[in-house]
Amino acid sequence: MATNPASHPETPVMTAQGLSHDLDLYPDRLVIHNIDILSRLFSHDDVVLYNTIEGVHIYQPSSAVSVGPQLIIVLKDGKSRALSFHTDQQHTLQTIKDTIESFVNHREIITPPKSL
């Protein structure tokens, strides 16, 4: 999904730089800016609304060859997105996870139930 900066002018609550992306957290969504060459040429930024998120997990690879931890965002439609970070970003990764979960839980509380 593409994002138009003019339609979302506010400043992100939090930003982080991963291995192949930049991540911006807003009160109603997160935006993944792909920074690798192919993604920038052939795709757009991914916008994920918090009400579409089922869960957020940190995956810590056990292999010494792996680059670093991953943030796994699981969506309610069954799809997921894995974002890789440097090994020294563990604290930042936990803060991102906690912030996303806070926004997801807040949206669940204020979302009115569907009528039958």
N, C-alpha and C. Protein backbone atom coordinates (compact mmCIF):
# COMPACT_ATOMS: atom_id res chain seq x y z
N MET A 1 0.83 -1.17 0.00
CA MET A 1 0.00 0.00 0.00
C MET A 1 0.88 1.24 0.00
N ALA A 2 0.60 2.20 -0.78
CA ALA A 2 1.39 3.43 -0.84
C ALA A 2 0.86 4.45 0.15
N THR A 3 1.73 5.31 0.57
CA THR A 3 1.32 6.37 1.46
C THR A 3 1.63 7.71 0.82
N ASN A 4 0.76 8.66 1.04
CA ASN A 4 0.95 10.01 0.53
C ASN A 4 1.31 10.89 1.72
N PRO A 5 2.54 11.41 1.80
CA PRO A 5 2.95 12.21 2.94
C PRO A 5 2.04 13.40 3.19
N ALA A 6 1.43 13.96 2.16
CA ALA A 6 0.56 15.11 2.34
C ALA A 6 -0.72 14.72 3.08
N SER A 7 -1.16 13.47 2.95
CA SER A 7 -2.38 13.05 3.63
C SER A 7 -2.12 12.68 5.10
N HIS A 8 -0.87 12.52 5.49
CA HIS A 8 -0.51 12.18 6.87
C HIS A 8 0.64 13.07 7.31
N PRO A 9 0.38 14.35 7.56
CA PRO A 9 1.48 15.29 7.81
C PRO A 9 2.09 15.23 9.20
N GLU A 10 1.46 14.55 10.16
CA GLU A 10 1.97 14.59 11.52
C GLU A 10 3.32 13.89 11.67
N THR A 11 3.99 14.23 12.72
CA THR A 11 5.31 13.68 13.02
C THR A 11 5.15 12.30 13.66
N PRO A 12 5.98 11.33 13.28
CA PRO A 12 5.90 10.00 13.90
C PRO A 12 6.17 10.07 15.40
N VAL A 13 5.51 9.18 16.13
CA VAL A 13 5.74 9.05 17.57
C VAL A 13 7.11 8.44 17.82
N MET A 14 7.51 7.54 16.92
CA MET A 14 8.78 6.84 17.03
C MET A 14 9.26 6.45 15.65
N THR A 15 10.56 6.46 15.46
CA THR A 15 11.15 5.99 14.21
C THR A 15 12.30 5.04 14.53
N ALA A 16 12.58 4.15 13.62
CA ALA A 16 13.69 3.23 13.79
C ALA A 16 14.22 2.84 12.42
N GLN A 17 15.50 2.58 12.36
CA GLN A 17 16.12 2.15 11.11
C GLN A 17 16.52 0.69 11.24
N GLY A 18 15.99 -0.13 10.35
CA GLY A 18 16.34 -1.54 10.32
C GLY A 18 17.40 -1.80 9.26
N LEU A 19 17.57 -3.06 8.90
CA LEU A 19 18.59 -3.42 7.92
C LEU A 19 18.20 -3.03 6.50
N SER A 20 16.92 -3.18 6.14
CA SER A 20 16.50 -2.84 4.78
C SER A 20 15.25 -1.98 4.76
N HIS A 21 15.00 -1.30 5.87
CA HIS A 21 13.79 -0.48 5.96
C HIS A 21 13.95 0.57 7.06
N ASP A 22 13.12 1.59 6.97
CA ASP A 22 12.92 2.53 8.07
C ASP A 22 11.49 2.32 8.54
N LEU A 23 11.26 2.48 9.82
CA LEU A 23 9.95 2.23 10.40
C LEU A 23 9.50 3.50 11.12
N ASP A 24 8.30 3.97 10.81
CA ASP A 24 7.70 5.12 11.48
C ASP A 24 6.43 4.66 12.17
N LEU A 25 6.30 4.98 13.46
CA LEU A 25 5.09 4.66 14.21
C LEU A 25 4.30 5.94 14.44
N TYR A 26 3.03 5.89 14.08
CA TYR A 26 2.08 6.98 14.30
C TYR A 26 1.01 6.46 15.25
N PRO A 27 0.17 7.31 15.79
CA PRO A 27 -0.88 6.85 16.71
C PRO A 27 -1.89 5.89 16.08
N ASP A 28 -2.08 5.93 14.75
CA ASP A 28 -3.09 5.09 14.11
C ASP A 28 -2.54 4.05 13.14
N ARG A 29 -1.22 4.09 12.90
CA ARG A 29 -0.64 3.20 11.89
C ARG A 29 0.87 3.13 12.04
N LEU A 30 1.46 2.15 11.37
CA LEU A 30 2.90 2.14 11.22
C LEU A 30 3.20 2.14 9.73
N VAL A 31 4.31 2.77 9.36
CA VAL A 31 4.70 2.88 7.96
C VAL A 31 6.09 2.28 7.82
N ILE A 32 6.21 1.34 6.89
CA ILE A 32 7.48 0.69 6.61
C ILE A 32 8.01 1.25 5.30
N HIS A 33 9.13 1.94 5.38
CA HIS A 33 9.77 2.52 4.20
C HIS A 33 10.89 1.56 3.79
N ASN A 34 10.70 0.88 2.67
CA ASN A 34 11.74 -0.02 2.17
C ASN A 34 12.87 0.82 1.61
N ILE A 35 14.11 0.51 2.01
CA ILE A 35 15.23 1.32 1.57
C ILE A 35 16.19 0.58 0.64
N ASP A 36 15.93 -0.71 0.38
CA ASP A 36 16.80 -1.40 -0.58
C ASP A 36 16.42 -0.96 -1.99
N ILE A 37 17.35 -1.06 -2.90
CA ILE A 37 17.20 -0.52 -4.25
C ILE A 37 15.99 -1.09 -4.99
N LEU A 38 15.83 -2.40 -5.02
CA LEU A 38 14.72 -3.00 -5.76
C LEU A 38 13.37 -2.58 -5.21
N SER A 39 13.23 -2.57 -3.90
CA SER A 39 11.96 -2.16 -3.30
C SER A 39 11.63 -0.71 -3.61
N ARG A 40 12.63 0.13 -3.58
CA ARG A 40 12.39 1.54 -3.87
C ARG A 40 11.99 1.76 -5.32
N LEU A 41 12.52 0.93 -6.22
CA LEU A 41 12.18 1.07 -7.63
C LEU A 41 10.81 0.50 -7.98
N PHE A 42 10.46 -0.64 -7.36
CA PHE A 42 9.28 -1.37 -7.80
C PHE A 42 8.13 -1.45 -6.80
N SER A 43 8.27 -0.88 -5.63
CA SER A 43 7.17 -0.96 -4.67
C SER A 43 7.05 0.35 -3.90
N HIS A 44 6.06 0.41 -3.07
CA HIS A 44 5.78 1.60 -2.30
C HIS A 44 5.95 1.30 -0.82
N ASP A 45 5.83 2.32 -0.01
CA ASP A 45 5.85 2.14 1.43
C ASP A 45 4.66 1.28 1.84
N ASP A 46 4.83 0.49 2.89
CA ASP A 46 3.74 -0.31 3.43
C ASP A 46 3.14 0.43 4.60
N VAL A 47 1.82 0.60 4.59
CA VAL A 47 1.10 1.22 5.69
C VAL A 47 0.28 0.13 6.36
N VAL A 48 0.47 -0.04 7.66
CA VAL A 48 -0.25 -1.06 8.41
C VAL A 48 -1.05 -0.36 9.50
N LEU A 49 -2.36 -0.48 9.44
CA LEU A 49 -3.22 0.09 10.47
C LEU A 49 -3.21 -0.83 11.69
N TYR A 50 -3.22 -0.25 12.87
CA TYR A 50 -3.14 -1.05 14.09
C TYR A 50 -4.32 -2.00 14.24
N ASN A 51 -5.49 -1.60 13.73
CA ASN A 51 -6.65 -2.49 13.89
C ASN A 51 -6.58 -3.71 12.98
N THR A 52 -5.53 -3.81 12.13
CA THR A 52 -5.34 -5.00 11.30
C THR A 52 -4.29 -5.94 11.87
N ILE A 53 -3.69 -5.56 13.01
CA ILE A 53 -2.60 -6.36 13.59
C ILE A 53 -3.15 -7.36 14.60
N GLU A 54 -2.78 -8.61 14.40
CA GLU A 54 -3.15 -9.70 15.31
C GLU A 54 -2.14 -9.82 16.45
N GLY A 55 -0.86 -9.67 16.13
CA GLY A 55 0.18 -9.82 17.15
C GLY A 55 1.52 -9.32 16.66
N VAL A 56 2.42 -9.10 17.62
CA VAL A 56 3.77 -8.64 17.32
C VAL A 56 4.73 -9.51 18.14
N HIS A 57 5.75 -10.03 17.49
CA HIS A 57 6.69 -10.93 18.15
C HIS A 57 8.12 -10.55 17.80
N ILE A 58 9.02 -10.85 18.70
CA ILE A 58 10.45 -10.68 18.43
C ILE A 58 11.03 -12.07 18.24
N TYR A 59 11.65 -12.28 17.11
CA TYR A 59 12.29 -13.56 16.82
C TYR A 59 13.79 -13.36 16.92
N GLN A 60 14.41 -14.14 17.77
CA GLN A 60 15.84 -14.06 17.99
C GLN A 60 16.49 -15.27 17.32
N PRO A 61 17.09 -15.11 16.15
CA PRO A 61 17.71 -16.25 15.47
C PRO A 61 18.79 -16.88 16.35
N SER A 62 18.86 -18.19 16.29
CA SER A 62 19.85 -18.89 17.11
C SER A 62 21.16 -19.12 16.36
N SER A 63 21.16 -18.91 15.08
CA SER A 63 22.35 -19.13 14.27
C SER A 63 23.34 -17.99 14.43
N ALA A 64 24.60 -18.33 14.53
CA ALA A 64 25.65 -17.31 14.63
C ALA A 64 25.84 -16.58 13.30
N VAL A 65 25.34 -17.17 12.22
CA VAL A 65 25.47 -16.58 10.89
C VAL A 65 24.43 -15.48 10.66
N SER A 66 23.31 -15.54 11.37
CA SER A 66 22.23 -14.58 11.15
C SER A 66 22.66 -13.17 11.53
N VAL A 67 22.01 -12.20 10.93
CA VAL A 67 22.37 -10.80 11.11
C VAL A 67 21.90 -10.27 12.46
N GLY A 68 20.67 -10.53 12.80
CA GLY A 68 20.15 -9.99 14.05
C GLY A 68 18.70 -10.36 14.25
N PRO A 69 18.10 -9.77 15.28
CA PRO A 69 16.72 -10.11 15.61
C PRO A 69 15.73 -9.56 14.58
N GLN A 70 14.54 -10.15 14.58
CA GLN A 70 13.49 -9.71 13.66
C GLN A 70 12.24 -9.36 14.45
N LEU A 71 11.55 -8.34 13.97
CA LEU A 71 10.23 -8.00 14.48
C LEU A 71 9.24 -8.62 13.52
N ILE A 72 8.38 -9.51 14.02
CA ILE A 72 7.39 -10.18 13.20
C ILE A 72 6.03 -9.55 13.51
N ILE A 73 5.41 -8.98 12.49
CA ILE A 73 4.08 -8.38 12.62
C ILE A 73 3.10 -9.32 11.94
N VAL A 74 2.18 -9.90 12.73
CA VAL A 74 1.20 -10.84 12.21
C VAL A 74 -0.12 -10.09 12.05
N LEU A 75 -0.67 -10.14 10.84
CA LEU A 75 -1.92 -9.43 10.55
C LEU A 75 -3.11 -10.36 10.70
N LYS A 76 -4.27 -9.78 10.90
CA LYS A 76 -5.49 -10.56 11.09
C LYS A 76 -5.88 -11.36 9.86
N ASP A 77 -5.41 -10.97 8.68
CA ASP A 77 -5.73 -11.71 7.46
C ASP A 77 -4.80 -12.90 7.23
N GLY A 78 -3.91 -13.17 8.21
CA GLY A 78 -3.02 -14.32 8.13
C GLY A 78 -1.65 -14.00 7.54
N LYS A 79 -1.50 -12.83 6.96
CA LYS A 79 -0.20 -12.44 6.41
C LYS A 79 0.69 -11.95 7.54
N SER A 80 1.99 -11.91 7.27
CA SER A 80 2.92 -11.38 8.27
C SER A 80 4.03 -10.62 7.57
N ARG A 81 4.70 -9.82 8.34
CA ARG A 81 5.82 -9.02 7.82
C ARG A 81 6.97 -9.15 8.81
N ALA A 82 8.14 -9.52 8.33
CA ALA A 82 9.33 -9.66 9.17
C ALA A 82 10.29 -8.51 8.87
N LEU A 83 10.69 -7.79 9.89
CA LEU A 83 11.61 -6.66 9.75
C LEU A 83 12.88 -6.99 10.52
N SER A 84 14.01 -6.97 9.83
CA SER A 84 15.29 -7.34 10.45
C SER A 84 16.01 -6.11 11.00
N PHE A 85 16.67 -6.32 12.14
CA PHE A 85 17.40 -5.26 12.82
C PHE A 85 18.82 -5.72 13.14
N HIS A 86 19.69 -4.79 13.46
CA HIS A 86 21.05 -5.11 13.87
C HIS A 86 21.03 -5.74 15.26
N THR A 87 22.03 -6.54 15.56
CA THR A 87 22.08 -7.23 16.85
C THR A 87 22.12 -6.26 18.03
N ASP A 88 22.69 -5.07 17.84
CA ASP A 88 22.77 -4.11 18.95
C ASP A 88 21.49 -3.29 19.13
N GLN A 89 20.43 -3.62 18.39
CA GLN A 89 19.17 -2.88 18.49
C GLN A 89 18.11 -3.63 19.31
N GLN A 90 18.52 -4.55 20.14
CA GLN A 90 17.57 -5.36 20.91
C GLN A 90 16.66 -4.47 21.79
N HIS A 91 17.24 -3.50 22.47
CA HIS A 91 16.44 -2.62 23.32
C HIS A 91 15.45 -1.81 22.49
N THR A 92 15.91 -1.28 21.37
CA THR A 92 15.04 -0.52 20.46
C THR A 92 13.92 -1.40 19.95
N LEU A 93 14.24 -2.62 19.60
CA LEU A 93 13.25 -3.57 19.09
C LEU A 93 12.17 -3.84 20.13
N GLN A 94 12.56 -4.02 21.38
CA GLN A 94 11.58 -4.25 22.45
C GLN A 94 10.69 -3.02 22.64
N THR A 95 11.27 -1.83 22.55
CA THR A 95 10.50 -0.59 22.68
C THR A 95 9.49 -0.46 21.54
N ILE A 96 9.91 -0.80 20.32
CA ILE A 96 9.00 -0.77 19.18
C ILE A 96 7.84 -1.73 19.40
N LYS A 97 8.15 -2.95 19.81
CA LYS A 97 7.12 -3.96 20.06
C LYS A 97 6.14 -3.48 21.11
N ASP A 98 6.64 -2.95 22.22
CA ASP A 98 5.77 -2.47 23.31
C ASP A 98 4.89 -1.31 22.84
N THR A 99 5.46 -0.42 22.03
CA THR A 99 4.70 0.72 21.53
C THR A 99 3.59 0.27 20.59
N ILE A 100 3.90 -0.64 19.67
CA ILE A 100 2.88 -1.15 18.76
C ILE A 100 1.78 -1.85 19.54
N GLU A 101 2.14 -2.69 20.50
CA GLU A 101 1.14 -3.39 21.30
C GLU A 101 0.27 -2.41 22.09
N SER A 102 0.87 -1.34 22.57
CA SER A 102 0.11 -0.33 23.29
C SER A 102 -0.94 0.31 22.37
N PHE A 103 -0.53 0.67 21.15
CA PHE A 103 -1.47 1.25 20.19
C PHE A 103 -2.55 0.25 19.79
N VAL A 104 -2.17 -1.01 19.57
CA VAL A 104 -3.14 -2.05 19.19
C VAL A 104 -4.15 -2.24 20.31
N ASN A 105 -3.69 -2.35 21.54
CA ASN A 105 -4.59 -2.56 22.68
C ASN A 105 -5.48 -1.35 22.90
N HIS A 106 -4.96 -0.15 22.71
CA HIS A 106 -5.76 1.05 22.88
C HIS A 106 -6.87 1.11 21.85
N ARG A 107 -6.57 0.74 20.61
CA ARG A 107 -7.58 0.76 19.54
C ARG A 107 -8.65 -0.28 19.80
N GLU A 108 -8.27 -1.43 20.37
CA GLU A 108 -9.26 -2.46 20.67
C GLU A 108 -10.22 -1.98 21.75
N ILE A 109 -9.73 -1.21 22.69
CA ILE A 109 -10.57 -0.71 23.79
C ILE A 109 -11.56 0.33 23.27
N ILE A 110 -11.13 1.23 22.39
CA ILE A 110 -12.02 2.30 21.95
C ILE A 110 -12.86 1.94 20.73
N THR A 111 -12.61 0.79 20.10
CA THR A 111 -13.39 0.38 18.95
C THR A 111 -14.74 -0.15 19.43
N PRO A 112 -15.84 0.45 18.99
CA PRO A 112 -17.16 -0.03 19.43
C PRO A 112 -17.44 -1.42 18.89
N PRO A 113 -18.16 -2.23 19.64
CA PRO A 113 -18.47 -3.58 19.17
C PRO A 113 -19.42 -3.51 17.97
N LYS A 114 -19.31 -4.50 17.09
CA LYS A 114 -20.20 -4.58 15.93
C LYS A 114 -21.57 -5.02 16.40
N SER A 115 -22.61 -4.40 15.84
CA SER A 115 -23.96 -4.79 16.21
C SER A 115 -24.34 -6.08 15.49
N LEU A 116 -25.19 -6.85 16.10
CA LEU A 116 -25.60 -8.12 15.50
C LEU A 116 -26.73 -7.97 14.54
